[in-house]
């Protein structure tokens, strides 16, 4: 029987026998490495299959003088990490769907209350003095920084900070009063 180097040369030429030889010689080390990072036996077996499929597909780029075990290690590592990343993304996606479904089960009553509160807050903002209302809208609705607002309105950042603070106090006080009277 020929060694790995000779088998790699034959593999590069498309020899299925050489591929089978390399598979039989190295599948266990690929499997054992996969199991270090994967909890599931069948998932590790899938990774082994994927590693050798990738090896077959890229056989013409393999150099028989390079470390074959190192090549298998790199392919295995990449496939294991990709699989773990995909599982994490899939779990995150599932959790997001469940969370969205739970949130969408809110009663119509809660949606009406939230809409009413939004309208009430908009009404309160309209009651602010004109300059304070403009500063507040630039900050909260147009997402401008205090520095940007100060430049646009030709005032100091401290004035912007004070006006926002006063607007928030007014809104909090009136929203609190509304919730007290509605309870």
N, C-alpha and C. Protein backbone atom coordinates (compact mmCIF):
# COMPACT_ATOMS: atom_id res chain seq x y z
N UNK A 1 0.83 -1.19 0.00
CA UNK A 1 0.00 0.00 0.00
C UNK A 1 0.87 1.26 0.00
N UNK A 2 0.44 2.25 -0.73
CA UNK A 2 1.19 3.51 -0.84
C UNK A 2 0.90 4.41 0.36
N UNK A 3 1.81 5.35 0.68
CA UNK A 3 1.62 6.29 1.78
C UNK A 3 0.71 7.44 1.38
N UNK A 4 0.45 8.34 2.35
CA UNK A 4 -0.44 9.49 2.12
C UNK A 4 0.00 10.33 0.92
N UNK A 5 1.30 10.61 0.81
CA UNK A 5 1.77 11.47 -0.28
C UNK A 5 1.42 10.87 -1.64
N UNK A 6 1.66 9.58 -1.79
CA UNK A 6 1.35 8.92 -3.07
C UNK A 6 -0.16 8.91 -3.31
N UNK A 7 -0.91 8.69 -2.23
CA UNK A 7 -2.37 8.66 -2.36
C UNK A 7 -2.92 10.06 -2.72
N UNK A 8 -2.30 11.09 -2.17
CA UNK A 8 -2.72 12.46 -2.49
C UNK A 8 -2.46 12.76 -3.96
N UNK A 9 -1.32 12.31 -4.48
CA UNK A 9 -1.04 12.49 -5.92
C UNK A 9 -2.12 11.82 -6.76
N UNK A 10 -2.48 10.59 -6.37
CA UNK A 10 -3.53 9.88 -7.10
C UNK A 10 -4.89 10.56 -6.94
N UNK A 11 -5.16 11.06 -5.72
CA UNK A 11 -6.41 11.78 -5.46
C UNK A 11 -6.53 12.99 -6.38
N UNK A 12 -5.43 13.73 -6.53
CA UNK A 12 -5.43 14.91 -7.39
C UNK A 12 -5.79 14.56 -8.83
N UNK A 13 -5.51 13.30 -9.22
CA UNK A 13 -5.82 12.85 -10.58
C UNK A 13 -7.24 12.27 -10.67
N UNK A 14 -7.97 12.30 -9.52
CA UNK A 14 -9.36 11.84 -9.53
C UNK A 14 -9.54 10.39 -9.12
N UNK A 15 -8.57 9.80 -8.49
CA UNK A 15 -8.66 8.39 -8.08
C UNK A 15 -9.60 8.23 -6.89
N UNK A 16 -10.69 7.50 -7.12
CA UNK A 16 -11.64 7.22 -6.04
C UNK A 16 -11.03 6.26 -5.02
N UNK A 17 -10.16 5.37 -5.48
CA UNK A 17 -9.50 4.44 -4.56
C UNK A 17 -8.60 5.20 -3.58
N UNK A 18 -7.88 6.18 -4.08
CA UNK A 18 -7.03 6.99 -3.22
C UNK A 18 -7.88 7.77 -2.21
N UNK A 19 -9.02 8.28 -2.67
CA UNK A 19 -9.94 9.00 -1.79
C UNK A 19 -10.43 8.07 -0.68
N UNK A 20 -10.83 6.86 -1.05
CA UNK A 20 -11.31 5.88 -0.08
C UNK A 20 -10.21 5.55 0.93
N UNK A 21 -9.00 5.38 0.46
CA UNK A 21 -7.87 5.09 1.35
C UNK A 21 -7.69 6.24 2.35
N UNK A 22 -7.66 7.49 1.86
CA UNK A 22 -7.46 8.64 2.75
C UNK A 22 -8.62 8.78 3.74
N UNK A 23 -9.81 8.50 3.28
CA UNK A 23 -10.98 8.55 4.16
C UNK A 23 -10.82 7.54 5.29
N UNK A 24 -10.50 6.30 4.94
CA UNK A 24 -10.36 5.25 5.95
C UNK A 24 -9.23 5.55 6.93
N UNK A 25 -8.17 6.17 6.45
CA UNK A 25 -7.02 6.49 7.30
C UNK A 25 -7.29 7.67 8.25
N UNK A 26 -8.15 8.61 7.84
CA UNK A 26 -8.25 9.88 8.58
C UNK A 26 -9.63 10.21 9.13
N UNK A 27 -10.66 9.42 8.81
CA UNK A 27 -12.00 9.80 9.25
C UNK A 27 -12.11 9.88 10.77
N UNK A 28 -11.42 8.97 11.48
CA UNK A 28 -11.54 8.93 12.93
C UNK A 28 -10.96 10.19 13.59
N UNK A 29 -9.82 10.68 13.09
CA UNK A 29 -9.25 11.90 13.68
C UNK A 29 -10.16 13.10 13.40
N UNK A 30 -10.76 13.14 12.22
CA UNK A 30 -11.70 14.23 11.90
C UNK A 30 -12.91 14.13 12.82
N UNK A 31 -13.42 12.93 12.99
CA UNK A 31 -14.58 12.71 13.86
C UNK A 31 -14.26 13.13 15.30
N UNK A 32 -13.13 12.66 15.82
CA UNK A 32 -12.75 12.97 17.21
C UNK A 32 -12.57 14.48 17.42
N UNK A 33 -11.97 15.15 16.46
CA UNK A 33 -11.81 16.60 16.58
C UNK A 33 -13.18 17.29 16.56
N UNK A 34 -14.06 16.82 15.69
CA UNK A 34 -15.41 17.39 15.60
C UNK A 34 -16.16 17.24 16.92
N UNK A 35 -16.02 16.08 17.53
CA UNK A 35 -16.72 15.80 18.79
C UNK A 35 -16.25 16.69 19.94
N UNK A 36 -15.05 17.25 19.82
CA UNK A 36 -14.59 18.18 20.85
C UNK A 36 -15.49 19.41 20.91
N UNK A 37 -16.07 19.78 19.77
CA UNK A 37 -16.84 21.02 19.69
C UNK A 37 -18.33 20.80 19.45
N UNK A 38 -18.72 19.58 19.11
CA UNK A 38 -20.12 19.29 18.82
C UNK A 38 -20.64 18.26 19.81
N UNK A 39 -21.80 18.51 20.35
CA UNK A 39 -22.37 17.61 21.35
C UNK A 39 -23.04 16.39 20.74
N UNK A 40 -23.44 16.50 19.52
CA UNK A 40 -24.26 15.48 18.88
C UNK A 40 -23.41 14.56 18.01
N UNK A 41 -23.55 13.24 18.21
CA UNK A 41 -22.82 12.23 17.45
C UNK A 41 -23.13 12.34 15.95
N UNK A 42 -24.41 12.45 15.62
CA UNK A 42 -24.78 12.50 14.19
C UNK A 42 -24.30 13.79 13.52
N UNK A 43 -24.26 14.88 14.26
CA UNK A 43 -23.75 16.13 13.71
C UNK A 43 -22.26 16.00 13.42
N UNK A 44 -21.53 15.35 14.30
CA UNK A 44 -20.10 15.13 14.08
C UNK A 44 -19.89 14.25 12.85
N UNK A 45 -20.72 13.24 12.68
CA UNK A 45 -20.62 12.38 11.49
C UNK A 45 -20.89 13.18 10.22
N UNK A 46 -21.87 14.11 10.29
CA UNK A 46 -22.16 14.97 9.13
C UNK A 46 -20.95 15.84 8.79
N UNK A 47 -20.29 16.34 9.82
CA UNK A 47 -19.10 17.17 9.59
C UNK A 47 -18.01 16.33 8.92
N UNK A 48 -17.83 15.09 9.36
CA UNK A 48 -16.83 14.21 8.73
C UNK A 48 -17.15 14.07 7.24
N UNK A 49 -18.41 13.82 6.93
CA UNK A 49 -18.80 13.68 5.53
C UNK A 49 -18.52 14.97 4.76
N UNK A 50 -18.87 16.11 5.37
CA UNK A 50 -18.66 17.40 4.71
C UNK A 50 -17.17 17.67 4.48
N UNK A 51 -16.34 17.29 5.45
CA UNK A 51 -14.89 17.50 5.32
C UNK A 51 -14.37 16.74 4.11
N UNK A 52 -14.78 15.50 3.98
CA UNK A 52 -14.24 14.70 2.88
C UNK A 52 -14.87 15.08 1.53
N UNK A 53 -16.10 15.57 1.54
CA UNK A 53 -16.68 16.10 0.30
C UNK A 53 -15.88 17.32 -0.14
N UNK A 54 -15.59 18.20 0.82
CA UNK A 54 -14.80 19.39 0.52
C UNK A 54 -13.41 19.00 0.01
N UNK A 55 -12.83 17.98 0.63
CA UNK A 55 -11.52 17.48 0.20
C UNK A 55 -11.59 17.00 -1.25
N UNK A 56 -12.62 16.25 -1.58
CA UNK A 56 -12.77 15.74 -2.96
C UNK A 56 -12.96 16.91 -3.94
N UNK A 57 -13.80 17.86 -3.56
CA UNK A 57 -14.10 18.99 -4.46
C UNK A 57 -12.88 19.87 -4.71
N UNK A 58 -11.96 19.94 -3.75
CA UNK A 58 -10.79 20.81 -3.91
C UNK A 58 -9.51 20.01 -4.09
N UNK A 59 -9.61 18.77 -4.53
CA UNK A 59 -8.46 17.87 -4.62
C UNK A 59 -7.34 18.40 -5.50
N UNK A 60 -7.67 19.13 -6.57
CA UNK A 60 -6.61 19.61 -7.46
C UNK A 60 -5.74 20.70 -6.83
N UNK A 61 -6.20 21.29 -5.72
CA UNK A 61 -5.43 22.34 -5.06
C UNK A 61 -4.57 21.83 -3.91
N UNK A 62 -4.67 20.55 -3.61
CA UNK A 62 -3.91 19.96 -2.50
C UNK A 62 -2.47 19.74 -2.94
N UNK A 63 -1.55 20.05 -2.05
CA UNK A 63 -0.12 19.82 -2.32
C UNK A 63 0.32 18.63 -1.50
N UNK A 64 0.85 17.64 -2.17
CA UNK A 64 1.23 16.41 -1.48
C UNK A 64 2.39 16.61 -0.50
N UNK A 65 3.14 17.71 -0.66
CA UNK A 65 4.26 17.97 0.23
C UNK A 65 3.84 18.73 1.49
N UNK A 66 2.61 19.22 1.51
CA UNK A 66 2.15 19.95 2.69
C UNK A 66 1.57 18.99 3.72
N UNK A 67 1.35 19.48 4.92
CA UNK A 67 0.84 18.68 6.03
C UNK A 67 -0.64 18.34 5.79
N UNK A 68 -0.91 17.11 5.44
CA UNK A 68 -2.28 16.68 5.13
C UNK A 68 -3.17 16.73 6.38
N UNK A 69 -2.61 16.32 7.53
CA UNK A 69 -3.38 16.39 8.78
C UNK A 69 -3.76 17.84 9.10
N UNK A 70 -2.84 18.75 8.84
CA UNK A 70 -3.12 20.17 9.06
C UNK A 70 -4.23 20.67 8.16
N UNK A 71 -4.23 20.22 6.91
CA UNK A 71 -5.29 20.60 5.97
C UNK A 71 -6.64 20.09 6.47
N UNK A 72 -6.68 18.83 6.89
CA UNK A 72 -7.93 18.27 7.42
C UNK A 72 -8.39 19.04 8.66
N UNK A 73 -7.43 19.40 9.51
CA UNK A 73 -7.76 20.17 10.71
C UNK A 73 -8.41 21.50 10.35
N UNK A 74 -7.84 22.21 9.38
CA UNK A 74 -8.37 23.52 8.98
C UNK A 74 -9.78 23.38 8.40
N UNK A 75 -9.96 22.42 7.52
CA UNK A 75 -11.29 22.21 6.92
C UNK A 75 -12.30 21.87 8.01
N UNK A 76 -11.92 20.96 8.91
CA UNK A 76 -12.82 20.53 9.99
C UNK A 76 -13.17 21.71 10.90
N UNK A 77 -12.14 22.43 11.30
CA UNK A 77 -12.37 23.60 12.18
C UNK A 77 -13.34 24.57 11.56
N UNK A 78 -13.14 24.90 10.28
CA UNK A 78 -14.01 25.86 9.62
C UNK A 78 -15.45 25.35 9.54
N UNK A 79 -15.61 24.09 9.21
CA UNK A 79 -16.96 23.53 9.12
C UNK A 79 -17.65 23.48 10.48
N UNK A 80 -16.90 23.11 11.52
CA UNK A 80 -17.46 23.06 12.87
C UNK A 80 -17.87 24.47 13.31
N UNK A 81 -17.00 25.45 13.10
CA UNK A 81 -17.32 26.82 13.51
C UNK A 81 -18.51 27.37 12.71
N UNK A 82 -18.55 27.08 11.41
CA UNK A 82 -19.70 27.53 10.61
C UNK A 82 -20.99 26.89 11.10
N UNK A 83 -20.93 25.61 11.43
CA UNK A 83 -22.11 24.90 11.92
C UNK A 83 -22.56 25.50 13.25
N UNK A 84 -21.61 25.76 14.15
CA UNK A 84 -21.96 26.36 15.45
C UNK A 84 -22.55 27.75 15.26
N UNK A 85 -21.97 28.54 14.36
CA UNK A 85 -22.50 29.88 14.09
C UNK A 85 -23.91 29.78 13.54
N UNK A 86 -24.14 28.85 12.62
CA UNK A 86 -25.47 28.68 12.05
C UNK A 86 -26.48 28.27 13.11
N UNK A 87 -26.07 27.38 14.03
CA UNK A 87 -26.97 26.94 15.10
C UNK A 87 -27.30 28.10 16.03
N UNK A 88 -26.30 28.92 16.36
CA UNK A 88 -26.54 30.08 17.21
C UNK A 88 -27.50 31.04 16.51
N UNK A 89 -27.26 31.30 15.22
CA UNK A 89 -28.15 32.19 14.47
C UNK A 89 -29.55 31.62 14.40
N UNK A 90 -29.66 30.30 14.21
CA UNK A 90 -30.96 29.65 14.14
C UNK A 90 -31.68 29.76 15.48
N UNK A 91 -30.96 29.53 16.59
CA UNK A 91 -31.56 29.67 17.91
C UNK A 91 -32.02 31.10 18.16
N UNK A 92 -31.20 32.07 17.78
CA UNK A 92 -31.56 33.47 17.94
C UNK A 92 -32.82 33.79 17.12
N UNK A 93 -32.86 33.28 15.89
CA UNK A 93 -34.01 33.49 15.02
C UNK A 93 -35.28 32.90 15.64
N UNK A 94 -35.17 31.68 16.17
CA UNK A 94 -36.33 31.04 16.80
C UNK A 94 -36.80 31.85 18.00
N UNK A 95 -35.85 32.32 18.83
CA UNK A 95 -36.22 33.11 20.00
C UNK A 95 -36.88 34.41 19.59
N UNK A 96 -36.40 35.02 18.52
CA UNK A 96 -36.98 36.26 18.03
C UNK A 96 -38.41 36.04 17.56
N UNK A 97 -38.64 34.92 16.85
CA UNK A 97 -39.98 34.60 16.37
C UNK A 97 -40.93 34.38 17.55
N UNK A 98 -40.48 33.60 18.54
CA UNK A 98 -41.32 33.33 19.71
C UNK A 98 -41.63 34.63 20.43
N UNK A 99 -40.62 35.46 20.59
CA UNK A 99 -40.81 36.74 21.28
C UNK A 99 -41.80 37.63 20.51
N UNK A 100 -41.65 37.66 19.20
CA UNK A 100 -42.56 38.48 18.38
C UNK A 100 -43.98 37.95 18.47
N UNK A 101 -44.12 36.62 18.50
CA UNK A 101 -45.46 36.04 18.60
C UNK A 101 -46.09 36.38 19.94
N UNK A 102 -45.27 36.33 21.01
CA UNK A 102 -45.79 36.68 22.33
C UNK A 102 -46.23 38.13 22.37
N UNK A 103 -45.40 38.99 21.77
CA UNK A 103 -45.73 40.42 21.76
C UNK A 103 -46.96 40.69 20.92
N UNK A 104 -47.14 39.94 19.83
CA UNK A 104 -48.29 40.19 18.96
C UNK A 104 -49.59 39.72 19.60
N UNK A 105 -49.49 38.95 20.68
CA UNK A 105 -50.68 38.49 21.37
C UNK A 105 -51.22 39.53 22.34
N UNK A 106 -50.62 40.71 22.36
CA UNK A 106 -51.13 41.77 23.22
C UNK A 106 -52.58 42.05 22.85
N UNK A 107 -53.35 42.37 23.86
CA UNK A 107 -54.75 42.61 23.61
C UNK A 107 -54.96 43.92 22.86
N UNK A 108 -56.08 44.00 22.20
CA UNK A 108 -56.44 45.21 21.47
C UNK A 108 -56.52 46.38 22.43
N UNK A 109 -56.95 46.07 23.65
CA UNK A 109 -57.07 47.11 24.67
C UNK A 109 -55.72 47.76 24.96
N UNK A 110 -54.66 46.94 25.07
CA UNK A 110 -53.32 47.48 25.32
C UNK A 110 -52.85 48.35 24.17
N UNK A 111 -53.16 47.93 22.94
CA UNK A 111 -52.77 48.73 21.78
C UNK A 111 -53.49 50.06 21.77
N UNK A 112 -54.75 50.06 22.15
CA UNK A 112 -55.52 51.31 22.20
C UNK A 112 -54.94 52.23 23.27
N UNK A 113 -54.63 51.66 24.44
CA UNK A 113 -54.03 52.45 25.52
C UNK A 113 -52.70 53.05 25.08
N UNK A 114 -51.87 52.26 24.41
CA UNK A 114 -50.58 52.76 23.95
C UNK A 114 -50.76 53.87 22.93
N UNK A 115 -51.72 53.69 22.03
CA UNK A 115 -52.00 54.71 21.02
C UNK A 115 -52.51 55.98 21.68
N UNK A 116 -53.39 55.83 22.67
CA UNK A 116 -53.91 57.00 23.39
C UNK A 116 -52.78 57.73 24.13
N UNK A 117 -51.88 56.97 24.74
CA UNK A 117 -50.75 57.58 25.45
C UNK A 117 -49.87 58.34 24.47
N UNK A 118 -49.61 57.73 23.30
CA UNK A 118 -48.80 58.41 22.28
C UNK A 118 -49.44 59.73 21.86
N UNK A 119 -50.75 59.71 21.65
CA UNK A 119 -51.47 60.94 21.26
C UNK A 119 -51.39 61.98 22.37
N UNK A 120 -51.54 61.53 23.62
CA UNK A 120 -51.49 62.45 24.76
C UNK A 120 -50.10 63.09 24.87
N UNK A 121 -49.05 62.28 24.69
CA UNK A 121 -47.68 62.82 24.75
C UNK A 121 -47.46 63.82 23.61
N UNK A 122 -47.95 63.50 22.40
CA UNK A 122 -47.85 64.45 21.28
C UNK A 122 -48.55 65.75 21.61
N UNK A 123 -49.71 65.65 22.27
CA UNK A 123 -50.46 66.85 22.67
C UNK A 123 -49.66 67.66 23.69
N UNK A 124 -49.03 66.95 24.65
CA UNK A 124 -48.22 67.65 25.66
C UNK A 124 -47.02 68.36 25.01
N UNK A 125 -46.41 67.71 24.03
CA UNK A 125 -45.27 68.33 23.34
C UNK A 125 -45.71 69.61 22.66
N UNK A 126 -46.91 69.61 22.10
CA UNK A 126 -47.43 70.81 21.45
C UNK A 126 -47.68 71.94 22.45
N UNK A 127 -47.86 71.61 23.72
CA UNK A 127 -48.07 72.61 24.76
C UNK A 127 -46.77 73.26 25.25
N UNK A 128 -45.63 72.66 24.90
CA UNK A 128 -44.35 73.24 25.31
C UNK A 128 -44.17 74.61 24.67
N UNK A 129 -43.41 75.50 25.33
CA UNK A 129 -43.09 76.78 24.69
C UNK A 129 -42.41 76.50 23.33
N UNK A 130 -42.64 77.35 22.33
CA UNK A 130 -42.16 77.08 20.97
C UNK A 130 -40.68 76.70 20.86
N UNK A 131 -39.81 77.45 21.51
CA UNK A 131 -38.39 77.17 21.40
C UNK A 131 -38.04 75.82 22.05
N UNK A 132 -38.62 75.55 23.22
CA UNK A 132 -38.38 74.28 23.92
C UNK A 132 -38.92 73.12 23.09
N UNK A 133 -40.10 73.31 22.49
CA UNK A 133 -40.69 72.27 21.63
C UNK A 133 -39.79 71.98 20.44
N UNK A 134 -39.23 73.03 19.82
CA UNK A 134 -38.35 72.85 18.67
C UNK A 134 -37.09 72.08 19.08
N UNK A 135 -36.50 72.46 20.21
CA UNK A 135 -35.29 71.79 20.71
C UNK A 135 -35.61 70.32 21.01
N UNK A 136 -36.73 70.10 21.67
CA UNK A 136 -37.12 68.74 22.03
C UNK A 136 -37.34 67.88 20.77
N UNK A 137 -38.03 68.40 19.79
CA UNK A 137 -38.28 67.66 18.55
C UNK A 137 -36.99 67.38 17.78
N UNK A 138 -36.07 68.34 17.77
CA UNK A 138 -34.77 68.11 17.11
C UNK A 138 -34.02 66.96 17.79
N UNK A 139 -34.14 66.91 19.11
CA UNK A 139 -33.44 65.87 19.86
C UNK A 139 -34.12 64.51 19.73
N UNK A 140 -35.42 64.47 20.01
CA UNK A 140 -36.10 63.18 20.12
C UNK A 140 -36.66 62.64 18.80
N UNK A 141 -37.05 63.51 17.94
CA UNK A 141 -37.65 63.03 16.68
C UNK A 141 -36.66 63.01 15.52
N UNK A 142 -35.72 63.96 15.52
CA UNK A 142 -34.73 64.00 14.45
C UNK A 142 -33.38 63.44 14.90
N UNK A 143 -33.32 63.04 16.17
CA UNK A 143 -32.14 62.37 16.74
C UNK A 143 -30.84 63.17 16.57
N UNK A 144 -30.95 64.47 16.75
CA UNK A 144 -29.76 65.32 16.67
C UNK A 144 -29.11 65.41 18.05
N UNK A 145 -27.80 65.53 18.05
CA UNK A 145 -27.07 65.66 19.31
C UNK A 145 -27.25 67.07 19.86
N UNK A 146 -26.93 67.22 21.15
CA UNK A 146 -27.02 68.56 21.75
C UNK A 146 -26.14 69.54 21.00
N UNK A 147 -24.98 69.11 20.59
CA UNK A 147 -24.04 69.97 19.86
C UNK A 147 -24.65 70.41 18.52
N UNK A 148 -25.26 69.46 17.81
CA UNK A 148 -25.88 69.80 16.51
C UNK A 148 -27.03 70.79 16.70
N UNK A 149 -27.84 70.57 17.74
CA UNK A 149 -28.97 71.48 18.02
C UNK A 149 -28.43 72.87 18.36
N UNK A 150 -27.40 72.91 19.18
CA UNK A 150 -26.81 74.20 19.57
C UNK A 150 -26.33 74.97 18.34
N UNK A 151 -25.70 74.28 17.39
CA UNK A 151 -25.21 74.93 16.18
C UNK A 151 -26.37 75.42 15.31
N UNK A 152 -27.40 74.58 15.14
CA UNK A 152 -28.54 74.93 14.29
C UNK A 152 -29.29 76.14 14.87
N UNK A 153 -29.46 76.15 16.21
CA UNK A 153 -30.27 77.20 16.84
C UNK A 153 -29.44 78.37 17.36
N UNK A 154 -28.12 78.25 17.19
CA UNK A 154 -27.23 79.32 17.64
C UNK A 154 -27.38 79.60 19.13
N UNK A 155 -27.36 78.52 19.91
CA UNK A 155 -27.42 78.62 21.38
C UNK A 155 -26.35 77.69 21.94
N UNK A 156 -26.15 77.76 23.26
CA UNK A 156 -25.12 76.91 23.88
C UNK A 156 -25.65 75.50 24.10
N UNK A 157 -24.72 74.55 24.19
CA UNK A 157 -25.12 73.17 24.48
C UNK A 157 -25.79 73.08 25.85
N UNK A 158 -25.34 73.89 26.78
CA UNK A 158 -25.92 73.90 28.12
C UNK A 158 -27.39 74.33 28.06
N UNK A 159 -27.69 75.30 27.21
CA UNK A 159 -29.08 75.75 27.04
C UNK A 159 -29.92 74.60 26.47
N UNK A 160 -29.36 73.89 25.50
CA UNK A 160 -30.07 72.74 24.91
C UNK A 160 -30.35 71.72 26.01
N UNK A 161 -29.33 71.41 26.80
CA UNK A 161 -29.47 70.43 27.87
C UNK A 161 -30.56 70.84 28.86
N UNK A 162 -30.57 72.11 29.24
CA UNK A 162 -31.57 72.63 30.18
C UNK A 162 -32.98 72.56 29.60
N UNK A 163 -33.12 72.93 28.34
CA UNK A 163 -34.44 72.91 27.69
C UNK A 163 -34.99 71.48 27.58
N UNK A 164 -34.12 70.53 27.23
CA UNK A 164 -34.53 69.12 27.15
C UNK A 164 -34.94 68.63 28.53
N UNK A 165 -34.15 68.99 29.53
CA UNK A 165 -34.45 68.59 30.91
C UNK A 165 -35.81 69.12 31.36
N UNK A 166 -36.07 70.38 31.08
CA UNK A 166 -37.36 70.98 31.45
C UNK A 166 -38.52 70.32 30.69
N UNK A 167 -38.31 70.02 29.42
CA UNK A 167 -39.36 69.36 28.62
C UNK A 167 -39.66 67.98 29.20
N UNK A 168 -38.63 67.25 29.55
CA UNK A 168 -38.84 65.91 30.10
C UNK A 168 -39.55 65.96 31.45
N UNK A 169 -39.19 66.93 32.28
CA UNK A 169 -39.87 67.08 33.58
C UNK A 169 -41.35 67.33 33.36
N UNK A 170 -41.67 68.22 32.44
CA UNK A 170 -43.06 68.55 32.12
C UNK A 170 -43.81 67.31 31.63
N UNK A 171 -43.21 66.58 30.72
CA UNK A 171 -43.85 65.38 30.17
C UNK A 171 -44.05 64.31 31.24
N UNK A 172 -43.01 64.05 32.04
CA UNK A 172 -43.12 63.03 33.08
C UNK A 172 -44.21 63.38 34.09
N UNK A 173 -44.23 64.63 34.50
CA UNK A 173 -45.23 65.07 35.48
C UNK A 173 -46.64 64.87 34.94
N UNK A 174 -46.88 65.27 33.70
CA UNK A 174 -48.22 65.19 33.14
C UNK A 174 -48.62 63.76 32.77
N UNK A 175 -47.68 62.97 32.32
CA UNK A 175 -47.99 61.56 32.03
C UNK A 175 -48.28 60.83 33.33
N UNK A 176 -47.53 61.15 34.39
CA UNK A 176 -47.78 60.55 35.70
C UNK A 176 -49.17 60.92 36.18
N UNK A 177 -49.53 62.19 36.06
CA UNK A 177 -50.86 62.62 36.49
C UNK A 177 -51.96 61.91 35.71
N UNK A 178 -51.74 61.73 34.39
CA UNK A 178 -52.73 61.04 33.58
C UNK A 178 -52.90 59.59 34.04
N UNK A 179 -51.80 58.91 34.32
CA UNK A 179 -51.91 57.51 34.75
C UNK A 179 -52.56 57.39 36.12
N UNK A 180 -52.35 58.39 36.99
CA UNK A 180 -52.99 58.38 38.29
C UNK A 180 -54.51 58.53 38.15
N UNK A 181 -54.92 59.45 37.28
CA UNK A 181 -56.35 59.70 37.12
C UNK A 181 -57.05 58.56 36.37
N UNK A 182 -56.31 57.83 35.52
CA UNK A 182 -56.92 56.74 34.75
C UNK A 182 -57.00 55.46 35.58
N UNK A 183 -56.23 55.37 36.66
CA UNK A 183 -56.21 54.14 37.46
C UNK A 183 -57.43 54.01 38.31
